């Protein structure tokens, strides 16, 4: 299924250790919440470590949703995940409607 809505978020951390702790927490939650998010309409989720910003500890999370309703339903699920107050991050979120997508295999 081709996603209709995508979101790309970046999070900047104070140190590499803070970034690694955050990634470990995501890995734990993916296993716990994967089925629920898929049923709500999440098509894919990717975590990247940004490597072209020297001296920064930044990750990117890429979310692909079936449609706008799936985005809303997934946000309701994510609102139940507590924030890690001991590991603050500076977050930025960009969301967009898919206008063009090229896939190498099709």
PDB file of N, CA and C in Angstrom:
ATOM      1  N   UNK A   1       0.840  -1.177   0.000  1.00  0.00           N
ATOM      2  CA  UNK A   1       0.000   0.000   0.000  1.00  0.00           C
ATOM      3  C   UNK A   1       0.888   1.244   0.000  1.00  0.00           C
ATOM      4  N   UNK A   2       0.560   2.202  -0.828  1.00  0.00           N
ATOM      5  CA  UNK A   2       1.319   3.440  -0.912  1.00  0.00           C
ATOM      6  C   UNK A   2       0.846   4.412   0.162  1.00  0.00           C
ATOM      7  N   UNK A   3       1.783   4.989   0.932  1.00  0.00           N
ATOM      8  CA  UNK A   3       1.377   5.944   1.963  1.00  0.00           C
ATOM      9  C   UNK A   3       0.832   7.227   1.340  1.00  0.00           C
ATOM     10  N   UNK A   4      -0.124   7.828   2.028  1.00  0.00           N
ATOM     11  CA  UNK A   4      -0.688   9.097   1.587  1.00  0.00           C
ATOM     12  C   UNK A   4      -0.189  10.265   2.429  1.00  0.00           C
ATOM     13  N   UNK A   5       0.313   9.965   3.619  1.00  0.00           N
ATOM     14  CA  UNK A   5       0.798  11.010   4.519  1.00  0.00           C
ATOM     15  C   UNK A   5       2.098  10.525   5.148  1.00  0.00           C
ATOM     16  N   UNK A   6       3.085  11.411   5.215  1.00  0.00           N
ATOM     17  CA  UNK A   6       4.371  11.064   5.806  1.00  0.00           C
ATOM     18  C   UNK A   6       4.789  12.130   6.798  1.00  0.00           C
ATOM     19  N   UNK A   7       5.587  11.693   7.759  1.00  0.00           N
ATOM     20  CA  UNK A   7       6.100  12.599   8.774  1.00  0.00           C
ATOM     21  C   UNK A   7       7.571  12.289   8.976  1.00  0.00           C
ATOM     22  N   UNK A   8       8.377  13.350   9.054  1.00  0.00           N
ATOM     23  CA  UNK A   8       9.796  13.186   9.336  1.00  0.00           C
ATOM     24  C   UNK A   8      10.142  14.084  10.516  1.00  0.00           C
ATOM     25  N   UNK A   9      10.601  13.465  11.585  1.00  0.00           N
ATOM     26  CA  UNK A   9      10.925  14.205  12.798  1.00  0.00           C
ATOM     27  C   UNK A   9      12.416  14.084  13.068  1.00  0.00           C
ATOM     28  N   UNK A  10      13.003  15.137  13.609  1.00  0.00           N
ATOM     29  CA  UNK A  10      14.390  15.069  14.052  1.00  0.00           C
ATOM     30  C   UNK A  10      14.449  15.398  15.535  1.00  0.00           C
ATOM     31  N   UNK A  11      15.386  14.744  16.204  1.00  0.00           N
ATOM     32  CA  UNK A  11      15.611  14.974  17.627  1.00  0.00           C
ATOM     33  C   UNK A  11      17.098  15.163  17.844  1.00  0.00           C
ATOM     34  N   UNK A  12      17.473  16.261  18.501  1.00  0.00           N
ATOM     35  CA  UNK A  12      18.865  16.549  18.848  1.00  0.00           C
ATOM     36  C   UNK A  12      19.081  16.281  20.327  1.00  0.00           C
ATOM     37  N   UNK A  13      20.211  15.623  20.641  1.00  0.00           N
ATOM     38  CA  UNK A  13      20.516  15.231  22.011  1.00  0.00           C
ATOM     39  C   UNK A  13      21.788  15.897  22.504  1.00  0.00           C
ATOM     40  N   UNK A  14      21.930  15.935  23.827  1.00  0.00           N
ATOM     41  CA  UNK A  14      23.086  16.558  24.463  1.00  0.00           C
ATOM     42  C   UNK A  14      24.372  15.781  24.210  1.00  0.00           C
ATOM     43  N   UNK A  15      24.256  14.458  24.067  1.00  0.00           N
ATOM     44  CA  UNK A  15      25.443  13.617  23.919  1.00  0.00           C
ATOM     45  C   UNK A  15      25.081  12.361  23.150  1.00  0.00           C
ATOM     46  N   UNK A  16      26.128  11.629  22.726  1.00  0.00           N
ATOM     47  CA  UNK A  16      25.908  10.361  22.041  1.00  0.00           C
ATOM     48  C   UNK A  16      25.211   9.375  22.973  1.00  0.00           C
ATOM     49  N   UNK A  17      25.578   9.371  24.252  1.00  0.00           N
ATOM     50  CA  UNK A  17      24.954   8.463  25.215  1.00  0.00           C
ATOM     51  C   UNK A  17      23.449   8.733  25.334  1.00  0.00           C
ATOM     52  N   UNK A  18      23.058  10.005  25.374  1.00  0.00           N
ATOM     53  CA  UNK A  18      21.633  10.345  25.438  1.00  0.00           C
ATOM     54  C   UNK A  18      20.908   9.854  24.188  1.00  0.00           C
ATOM     55  N   UNK A  19      21.551  10.032  23.038  1.00  0.00           N
ATOM     56  CA  UNK A  19      20.956   9.582  21.780  1.00  0.00           C
ATOM     57  C   UNK A  19      20.779   8.061  21.790  1.00  0.00           C
ATOM     58  N   UNK A  20      21.800   7.336  22.221  1.00  0.00           N
ATOM     59  CA  UNK A  20      21.739   5.871  22.253  1.00  0.00           C
ATOM     60  C   UNK A  20      20.666   5.379  23.221  1.00  0.00           C
ATOM     61  N   UNK A  21      20.499   6.052  24.354  1.00  0.00           N
ATOM     62  CA  UNK A  21      19.445   5.674  25.299  1.00  0.00           C
ATOM     63  C   UNK A  21      18.062   5.848  24.666  1.00  0.00           C
ATOM     64  N   UNK A  22      17.900   6.931  23.915  1.00  0.00           N
ATOM     65  CA  UNK A  22      16.627   7.193  23.255  1.00  0.00           C
ATOM     66  C   UNK A  22      16.333   6.120  22.199  1.00  0.00           C
ATOM     67  N   UNK A  23      17.345   5.763  21.418  1.00  0.00           N
ATOM     68  CA  UNK A  23      17.169   4.729  20.398  1.00  0.00           C
ATOM     69  C   UNK A  23      16.794   3.394  21.047  1.00  0.00           C
ATOM     70  N   UNK A  24      17.451   3.055  22.161  1.00  0.00           N
ATOM     71  CA  UNK A  24      17.124   1.814  22.874  1.00  0.00           C
ATOM     72  C   UNK A  24      15.674   1.826  23.348  1.00  0.00           C
ATOM     73  N   UNK A  25      15.198   2.962  23.801  1.00  0.00           N
ATOM     74  CA  UNK A  25      13.808   3.083  24.248  1.00  0.00           C
ATOM     75  C   UNK A  25      12.847   2.908  23.069  1.00  0.00           C
ATOM     76  N   UNK A  26      13.199   3.475  21.926  1.00  0.00           N
ATOM     77  CA  UNK A  26      12.368   3.292  20.725  1.00  0.00           C
ATOM     78  C   UNK A  26      12.303   1.814  20.363  1.00  0.00           C
ATOM     79  N   UNK A  27      13.450   1.138  20.376  1.00  0.00           N
ATOM     80  CA  UNK A  27      13.478  -0.287  20.023  1.00  0.00           C
ATOM     81  C   UNK A  27      12.552  -1.091  20.936  1.00  0.00           C
ATOM     82  N   UNK A  28      12.551  -0.778  22.209  1.00  0.00           N
ATOM     83  CA  UNK A  28      11.686  -1.470  23.161  1.00  0.00           C
ATOM     84  C   UNK A  28      10.209  -1.215  22.842  1.00  0.00           C
ATOM     85  N   UNK A  29       9.868   0.027  22.534  1.00  0.00           N
ATOM     86  CA  UNK A  29       8.477   0.383  22.258  1.00  0.00           C
ATOM     87  C   UNK A  29       7.987  -0.137  20.914  1.00  0.00           C
ATOM     88  N   UNK A  30       8.882  -0.255  19.937  1.00  0.00           N
ATOM     89  CA  UNK A  30       8.471  -0.789  18.635  1.00  0.00           C
ATOM     90  C   UNK A  30       7.943  -2.206  18.799  1.00  0.00           C
ATOM     91  N   UNK A  31       8.648  -3.013  19.563  1.00  0.00           N
ATOM     92  CA  UNK A  31       8.188  -4.383  19.787  1.00  0.00           C
ATOM     93  C   UNK A  31       6.857  -4.406  20.535  1.00  0.00           C
ATOM     94  N   UNK A  32       6.709  -3.528  21.497  1.00  0.00           N
ATOM     95  CA  UNK A  32       5.501  -3.522  22.322  1.00  0.00           C
ATOM     96  C   UNK A  32       4.292  -2.940  21.596  1.00  0.00           C
ATOM     97  N   UNK A  33       4.519  -2.004  20.668  1.00  0.00           N
ATOM     98  CA  UNK A  33       3.406  -1.272  20.062  1.00  0.00           C
ATOM     99  C   UNK A  33       3.221  -1.536  18.568  1.00  0.00           C
ATOM    100  N   UNK A  34       4.069  -2.348  17.973  1.00  0.00           N
ATOM    101  CA  UNK A  34       4.047  -2.538  16.523  1.00  0.00           C
ATOM    102  C   UNK A  34       2.708  -2.963  15.962  1.00  0.00           C
ATOM    103  N   UNK A  35       2.104  -3.989  16.538  1.00  0.00           N
ATOM    104  CA  UNK A  35       0.822  -4.480  16.024  1.00  0.00           C
ATOM    105  C   UNK A  35      -0.268  -3.422  16.145  1.00  0.00           C
ATOM    106  N   UNK A  36      -0.286  -2.732  17.267  1.00  0.00           N
ATOM    107  CA  UNK A  36      -1.298  -1.700  17.497  1.00  0.00           C
ATOM    108  C   UNK A  36      -1.147  -0.559  16.479  1.00  0.00           C
ATOM    109  N   UNK A  37       0.084  -0.152  16.214  1.00  0.00           N
ATOM    110  CA  UNK A  37       0.314   0.934  15.247  1.00  0.00           C
ATOM    111  C   UNK A  37      -0.033   0.476  13.824  1.00  0.00           C
ATOM    112  N   UNK A  38       0.316  -0.764  13.471  1.00  0.00           N
ATOM    113  CA  UNK A  38      -0.033  -1.287  12.148  1.00  0.00           C
ATOM    114  C   UNK A  38      -1.547  -1.308  11.976  1.00  0.00           C
ATOM    115  N   UNK A  39      -2.267  -1.777  13.002  1.00  0.00           N
ATOM    116  CA  UNK A  39      -3.730  -1.822  12.921  1.00  0.00           C
ATOM    117  C   UNK A  39      -4.334  -0.427  12.801  1.00  0.00           C
ATOM    118  N   UNK A  40      -3.661   0.575  13.354  1.00  0.00           N
ATOM    119  CA  UNK A  40      -4.151   1.960  13.268  1.00  0.00           C
ATOM    120  C   UNK A  40      -3.839   2.598  11.917  1.00  0.00           C
ATOM    121  N   UNK A  41      -2.948   1.973  11.118  1.00  0.00           N
ATOM    122  CA  UNK A  41      -2.684   2.494   9.779  1.00  0.00           C
ATOM    123  C   UNK A  41      -1.262   2.950   9.520  1.00  0.00           C
ATOM    124  N   UNK A  42      -0.338   2.647  10.433  1.00  0.00           N
ATOM    125  CA  UNK A  42       1.071   2.972  10.173  1.00  0.00           C
ATOM    126  C   UNK A  42       1.615   1.944   9.193  1.00  0.00           C
ATOM    127  N   UNK A  43       2.195   2.405   8.080  1.00  0.00           N
ATOM    128  CA  UNK A  43       2.719   1.504   7.058  1.00  0.00           C
ATOM    129  C   UNK A  43       4.199   1.206   7.269  1.00  0.00           C
ATOM    130  N   UNK A  44       4.943   2.193   7.750  1.00  0.00           N
ATOM    131  CA  UNK A  44       6.363   1.946   8.024  1.00  0.00           C
ATOM    132  C   UNK A  44       6.885   2.980   9.012  1.00  0.00           C
ATOM    133  N   UNK A  45       7.983   2.595   9.651  1.00  0.00           N
ATOM    134  CA  UNK A  45       8.643   3.450  10.638  1.00  0.00           C
ATOM    135  C   UNK A  45      10.133   3.190  10.512  1.00  0.00           C
ATOM    136  N   UNK A  46      10.914   4.256  10.369  1.00  0.00           N
ATOM    137  CA  UNK A  46      12.355   4.137  10.200  1.00  0.00           C
ATOM    138  C   UNK A  46      13.046   5.117  11.127  1.00  0.00           C
ATOM    139  N   UNK A  47      14.113   4.674  11.776  1.00  0.00           N
ATOM    140  CA  UNK A  47      14.949   5.548  12.596  1.00  0.00           C
ATOM    141  C   UNK A  47      16.298   5.665  11.899  1.00  0.00           C
ATOM    142  N   UNK A  48      16.760   6.891  11.716  1.00  0.00           N
ATOM    143  CA  UNK A  48      18.073   7.128  11.118  1.00  0.00           C
ATOM    144  C   UNK A  48      18.929   7.940  12.085  1.00  0.00           C
ATOM    145  N   UNK A  49      20.222   7.713  12.008  1.00  0.00           N
ATOM    146  CA  UNK A  49      21.156   8.573  12.729  1.00  0.00           C
ATOM    147  C   UNK A  49      21.731   9.531  11.693  1.00  0.00           C
ATOM    148  N   UNK A  50      21.509  10.807  11.883  1.00  0.00           N
ATOM    149  CA  UNK A  50      21.979  11.816  10.938  1.00  0.00           C
ATOM    150  C   UNK A  50      23.498  11.896  11.044  1.00  0.00           C
ATOM    151  N   UNK A  51      24.178  11.729   9.919  1.00  0.00           N
ATOM    152  CA  UNK A  51      25.641  11.656   9.935  1.00  0.00           C
ATOM    153  C   UNK A  51      26.323  12.860   9.286  1.00  0.00           C
ATOM    154  N   UNK A  52      25.576  13.717   8.643  1.00  0.00           N
ATOM    155  CA  UNK A  52      26.211  14.831   7.941  1.00  0.00           C
ATOM    156  C   UNK A  52      26.185  16.149   8.715  1.00  0.00           C
ATOM    157  N   UNK A  53      25.963  16.084  10.000  1.00  0.00           N
ATOM    158  CA  UNK A  53      25.984  17.272  10.860  1.00  0.00           C
ATOM    159  C   UNK A  53      27.050  17.060  11.924  1.00  0.00           C
ATOM    160  N   UNK A  54      28.241  17.488  11.623  1.00  0.00           N
ATOM    161  CA  UNK A  54      29.391  17.282  12.500  1.00  0.00           C
ATOM    162  C   UNK A  54      29.143  17.868  13.889  1.00  0.00           C
ATOM    163  N   UNK A  55      29.450  17.084  14.920  1.00  0.00           N
ATOM    164  CA  UNK A  55      29.319  17.561  16.289  1.00  0.00           C
ATOM    165  C   UNK A  55      27.902  17.532  16.837  1.00  0.00           C
ATOM    166  N   UNK A  56      26.941  17.015  16.064  1.00  0.00           N
ATOM    167  CA  UNK A  56      25.547  16.920  16.510  1.00  0.00           C
ATOM    168  C   UNK A  56      25.211  15.461  16.793  1.00  0.00           C
ATOM    169  N   UNK A  57      24.322  15.257  17.730  1.00  0.00           N
ATOM    170  CA  UNK A  57      23.811  13.932  18.046  1.00  0.00           C
ATOM    171  C   UNK A  57      22.329  13.964  17.699  1.00  0.00           C
ATOM    172  N   UNK A  58      22.016  13.617  16.463  1.00  0.00           N
ATOM    173  CA  UNK A  58      20.671  13.792  15.910  1.00  0.00           C
ATOM    174  C   UNK A  58      20.175  12.482  15.311  1.00  0.00           C
ATOM    175  N   UNK A  59      18.910  12.195  15.582  1.00  0.00           N
ATOM    176  CA  UNK A  59      18.256  11.089  14.891  1.00  0.00           C
ATOM    177  C   UNK A  59      17.079  11.648  14.102  1.00  0.00           C
ATOM    178  N   UNK A  60      16.707  10.905  13.097  1.00  0.00           N
ATOM    179  CA  UNK A  60      15.516  11.216  12.326  1.00  0.00           C
ATOM    180  C   UNK A  60      14.572  10.032  12.407  1.00  0.00           C
ATOM    181  N   UNK A  61      13.300  10.311  12.553  1.00  0.00           N
ATOM    182  CA  UNK A  61      12.301   9.252  12.499  1.00  0.00           C
ATOM    183  C   UNK A  61      11.360   9.548  11.347  1.00  0.00           C
ATOM    184  N   UNK A  62      11.150   8.552  10.534  1.00  0.00           N
ATOM    185  CA  UNK A  62      10.341   8.668   9.328  1.00  0.00           C
ATOM    186  C   UNK A  62       9.128   7.762   9.482  1.00  0.00           C
ATOM    187  N   UNK A  63       7.955   8.345   9.370  1.00  0.00           N
ATOM    188  CA  UNK A  63       6.695   7.626   9.545  1.00  0.00           C
ATOM    189  C   UNK A  63       5.895   7.706   8.247  1.00  0.00           C
ATOM    190  N   UNK A  64       5.346   6.591   7.794  1.00  0.00           N
ATOM    191  CA  UNK A  64       4.490   6.568   6.604  1.00  0.00           C
ATOM    192  C   UNK A  64       3.124   6.024   7.020  1.00  0.00           C
ATOM    193  N   UNK A  65       2.084   6.798   6.731  1.00  0.00           N
ATOM    194  CA  UNK A  65       0.724   6.464   7.157  1.00  0.00           C
ATOM    195  C   UNK A  65      -0.175   6.175   5.960  1.00  0.00           C
ATOM    196  N   UNK A  66      -1.150   5.317   6.184  1.00  0.00           N
ATOM    197  CA  UNK A  66      -2.124   4.966   5.147  1.00  0.00           C
ATOM    198  C   UNK A  66      -2.868   6.213   4.669  1.00  0.00           C
ATOM    199  N   UNK A  67      -3.257   7.073   5.603  1.00  0.00           N
ATOM    200  CA  UNK A  67      -4.013   8.278   5.274  1.00  0.00           C
ATOM    201  C   UNK A  67      -4.061   9.190   6.504  1.00  0.00           C
ATOM    202  N   UNK A  68      -4.824  10.277   6.416  1.00  0.00           N
ATOM    203  CA  UNK A  68      -4.900  11.238   7.505  1.00  0.00           C
ATOM    204  C   UNK A  68      -5.522  10.635   8.765  1.00  0.00           C
ATOM    205  N   UNK A  69      -6.515   9.778   8.603  1.00  0.00           N
ATOM    206  CA  UNK A  69      -7.141   9.129   9.754  1.00  0.00           C
ATOM    207  C   UNK A  69      -6.126   8.255  10.483  1.00  0.00           C
ATOM    208  N   UNK A  70      -5.290   7.555   9.740  1.00  0.00           N
ATOM    209  CA  UNK A  70      -4.261   6.715  10.351  1.00  0.00           C
ATOM    210  C   UNK A  70      -3.293   7.575  11.160  1.00  0.00           C
ATOM    211  N   UNK A  71      -2.930   8.733  10.630  1.00  0.00           N
ATOM    212  CA  UNK A  71      -2.043   9.634  11.367  1.00  0.00           C
ATOM    213  C   UNK A  71      -2.670  10.019  12.711  1.00  0.00           C
ATOM    214  N   UNK A  72      -3.926  10.421  12.681  1.00  0.00           N
ATOM    215  CA  UNK A  72      -4.623  10.829  13.907  1.00  0.00           C
ATOM    216  C   UNK A  72      -4.713   9.658  14.887  1.00  0.00           C
ATOM    217  N   UNK A  73      -5.077   8.492  14.383  1.00  0.00           N
ATOM    218  CA  UNK A  73      -5.202   7.319  15.254  1.00  0.00           C
ATOM    219  C   UNK A  73      -3.856   6.944  15.873  1.00  0.00           C
ATOM    220  N   UNK A  74      -2.782   7.035  15.108  1.00  0.00           N
ATOM    221  CA  UNK A  74      -1.459   6.708  15.642  1.00  0.00           C
ATOM    222  C   UNK A  74      -1.004   7.754  16.657  1.00  0.00           C
ATOM    223  N   UNK A  75      -1.340   9.013  16.436  1.00  0.00           N
ATOM    224  CA  UNK A  75      -0.976  10.052  17.396  1.00  0.00           C
ATOM    225  C   UNK A  75      -1.659   9.817  18.743  1.00  0.00           C
ATOM    226  N   UNK A  76      -2.886   9.310  18.701  1.00  0.00           N
ATOM    227  CA  UNK A  76      -3.593   8.986  19.949  1.00  0.00           C
ATOM    228  C   UNK A  76      -2.837   7.899  20.713  1.00  0.00           C
ATOM    229  N   UNK A  77      -2.330   6.906  20.001  1.00  0.00           N
ATOM    230  CA  UNK A  77      -1.569   5.829  20.634  1.00  0.00           C
ATOM    231  C   UNK A  77      -0.270   6.377  21.206  1.00  0.00           C
ATOM    232  N   UNK A  78       0.433   7.189  20.421  1.00  0.00           N
ATOM    233  CA  UNK A  78       1.720   7.724  20.856  1.00  0.00           C
ATOM    234  C   UNK A  78       1.584   8.687  22.027  1.00  0.00           C
ATOM    235  N   UNK A  79       0.435   9.321  22.169  1.00  0.00           N
ATOM    236  CA  UNK A  79       0.267  10.254  23.284  1.00  0.00           C
ATOM    237  C   UNK A  79       0.284   9.524  24.620  1.00  0.00           C
ATOM    238  N   UNK A  80       0.092   8.213  24.596  1.00  0.00           N
ATOM    239  CA  UNK A  80       0.135   7.426  25.815  1.00  0.00           C
ATOM    240  C   UNK A  80       1.533   7.000  26.226  1.00  0.00           C
ATOM    241  N   UNK A  81       2.532   7.287  25.381  1.00  0.00           N
ATOM    242  CA  UNK A  81       3.919   6.941  25.705  1.00  0.00           C
ATOM    243  C   UNK A  81       4.513   8.084  26.516  1.00  0.00           C
ATOM    244  N   UNK A  82       4.947   7.821  27.740  1.00  0.00           N
ATOM    245  CA  UNK A  82       5.486   8.912  28.568  1.00  0.00           C
ATOM    246  C   UNK A  82       6.793   9.455  28.006  1.00  0.00           C
ATOM    247  N   UNK A  83       6.986  10.761  28.171  1.00  0.00           N
ATOM    248  CA  UNK A  83       8.236  11.381  27.748  1.00  0.00           C
ATOM    249  C   UNK A  83       9.324  11.096  28.769  1.00  0.00           C
ATOM    250  N   UNK A  84      10.536  10.997  28.289  1.00  0.00           N
ATOM    251  CA  UNK A  84      11.683  10.734  29.159  1.00  0.00           C
ATOM    252  C   UNK A  84      12.216  12.075  29.648  1.00  0.00           C
ATOM    253  N   UNK A  85      11.801  12.485  30.815  1.00  0.00           N
ATOM    254  CA  UNK A  85      12.196  13.793  31.339  1.00  0.00           C
ATOM    255  C   UNK A  85      13.677  13.851  31.696  1.00  0.00           C
ATOM    256  N   UNK A  86      14.308  12.685  31.902  1.00  0.00           N
ATOM    257  CA  UNK A  86      15.739  12.650  32.209  1.00  0.00           C
ATOM    258  C   UNK A  86      16.609  12.747  30.965  1.00  0.00           C
ATOM    259  N   UNK A  87      15.988  12.658  29.791  1.00  0.00           N
ATOM    260  CA  UNK A  87      16.734  12.681  28.543  1.00  0.00           C
ATOM    261  C   UNK A  87      16.053  13.638  27.563  1.00  0.00           C
ATOM    262  N   UNK A  88      16.137  14.943  27.836  1.00  0.00           N
ATOM    263  CA  UNK A  88      15.444  15.897  26.970  1.00  0.00           C
ATOM    264  C   UNK A  88      16.088  15.979  25.589  1.00  0.00           C
ATOM    265  N   UNK A  89      15.253  16.230  24.606  1.00  0.00           N
ATOM    266  CA  UNK A  89      15.718  16.390  23.233  1.00  0.00           C
ATOM    267  C   UNK A  89      15.024  17.598  22.623  1.00  0.00           C
ATOM    268  N   UNK A  90      15.685  18.202  21.660  1.00  0.00           N
ATOM    269  CA  UNK A  90      15.070  19.271  20.885  1.00  0.00           C
ATOM    270  C   UNK A  90      14.469  18.614  19.657  1.00  0.00           C
ATOM    271  N   UNK A  91      13.150  18.685  19.523  1.00  0.00           N
ATOM    272  CA  UNK A  91      12.437  17.978  18.466  1.00  0.00           C
ATOM    273  C   UNK A  91      11.874  18.942  17.441  1.00  0.00           C
ATOM    274  N   UNK A  92      11.901  18.497  16.185  1.00  0.00           N
ATOM    275  CA  UNK A  92      11.275  19.213  15.078  1.00  0.00           C
ATOM    276  C   UNK A  92      10.488  18.200  14.264  1.00  0.00           C
ATOM    277  N   UNK A  93       9.298  18.577  13.827  1.00  0.00           N
ATOM    278  CA  UNK A  93       8.465  17.666  13.050  1.00  0.00           C
ATOM    279  C   UNK A  93       8.019  18.332  11.761  1.00  0.00           C
ATOM    280  N   UNK A  94       8.139  17.594  10.663  1.00  0.00           N
ATOM    281  CA  UNK A  94       7.635  18.026   9.368  1.00  0.00           C
ATOM    282  C   UNK A  94       6.701  16.948   8.851  1.00  0.00           C
ATOM    283  N   UNK A  95       5.568  17.364   8.344  1.00  0.00           N
ATOM    284  CA  UNK A  95       4.591  16.424   7.817  1.00  0.00           C
ATOM    285  C   UNK A  95       4.197  16.838   6.418  1.00  0.00           C
ATOM    286  N   UNK A  96       3.883  15.854   5.595  1.00  0.00           N
ATOM    287  CA  UNK A  96       3.523  16.196   4.232  1.00  0.00           C
ATOM    288  C   UNK A  96       2.590  15.177   3.605  1.00  0.00           C
ATOM    289  N   UNK A  97       1.865  15.643   2.597  1.00  0.00           N
ATOM    290  CA  UNK A  97       1.021  14.793   1.780  1.00  0.00           C
ATOM    291  C   UNK A  97       1.887  14.296   0.632  1.00  0.00           C
ATOM    292  N   UNK A  98       1.837  13.008   0.342  1.00  0.00           N
ATOM    293  CA  UNK A  98       2.657  12.429  -0.717  1.00  0.00           C
ATOM    294  C   UNK A  98       2.184  12.956  -2.065  1.00  0.00           C
ATOM    295  N   UNK A  99       3.089  13.558  -2.804  1.00  0.00           N
ATOM    296  CA  UNK A  99       2.794  14.074  -4.141  1.00  0.00           C
ATOM    297  C   UNK A  99       3.450  13.224  -5.220  1.00  0.00           C
ATOM    298  N   UNK A 100       4.589  12.615  -4.886  1.00  0.00           N
ATOM    299  CA  UNK A 100       5.310  11.775  -5.837  1.00  0.00           C
ATOM    300  C   UNK A 100       6.149  10.804  -5.038  1.00  0.00           C
ATOM    301  N   UNK A 101       6.132   9.548  -5.460  1.00  0.00           N
ATOM    302  CA  UNK A 101       6.991   8.566  -4.810  1.00  0.00           C
ATOM    303  C   UNK A 101       7.532   7.651  -5.902  1.00  0.00           C
ATOM    304  N   UNK A 102       8.835   7.484  -5.921  1.00  0.00           N
ATOM    305  CA  UNK A 102       9.496   6.586  -6.853  1.00  0.00           C
ATOM    306  C   UNK A 102      10.044   5.419  -6.069  1.00  0.00           C
ATOM    307  N   UNK A 103       9.717   4.206  -6.511  1.00  0.00           N
ATOM    308  CA  UNK A 103      10.205   3.004  -5.851  1.00  0.00           C
ATOM    309  C   UNK A 103      11.091   2.246  -6.832  1.00  0.00           C
ATOM    310  N   UNK A 104      12.252   1.851  -6.385  1.00  0.00           N
ATOM    311  CA  UNK A 104      13.213   1.167  -7.248  1.00  0.00           C
ATOM    312  C   UNK A 104      12.691  -0.174  -7.751  1.00  0.00           C
ATOM    313  N   UNK A 105      11.814  -0.822  -6.986  1.00  0.00           N
ATOM    314  CA  UNK A 105      11.361  -2.142  -7.380  1.00  0.00           C
ATOM    315  C   UNK A 105      10.042  -2.130  -8.162  1.00  0.00           C
ATOM    316  N   UNK A 106       9.571  -0.989  -8.545  1.00  0.00           N
ATOM    317  CA  UNK A 106       8.308  -1.010  -9.247  1.00  0.00           C
ATOM    318  C   UNK A 106       8.068   0.203  -9.998  1.00  0.00           C
TER     319      UNK A 106
END
